[in-house]
């Protein structure tokens, strides 16, 4: 009986001491920063189309440029500040993927390029890549055999 009361008291204590999160403000910041990132991507896409490139090439160029910008901003410690401000708004687009690869690489650089950078680079993005690629293969096989 004592442990139940102790757990209840602990939960009440934690709730009292934990700072309240401004959910509406966080959602608004995530929305407009994510929208800004997507708008920048759309501007790049439209510019590529204006230059006469096909849609597939435009999409590839947009992805490459957004990943490069995100990696650069992560390297100079600006993307982390954007991430703290915008939360999921900066992490959900492809920029978050680039950040999830570059951050561990920078963090473990002191352990060497092979065991540090090479070994730890995909600690966050690795599972996403494995499950994403595996799922696409399975769906592709289903499509080949049943559609």
Foldseek 3Di string as FASTA:
>chain_A
DVVVVVVVVVVVVCVVPDDDDPVVQLQVLLVVLLVVLVVVLVVQLVVVVVVPDDNVVSNVVSLVVLLVVLLVCLVVVNLVVSCVNRPVSCLVPSSVVSNLQNVQLVVQPVVDCCCRNVVRRCVPVVVVVVVVVVVVVVVVVCVVPPD
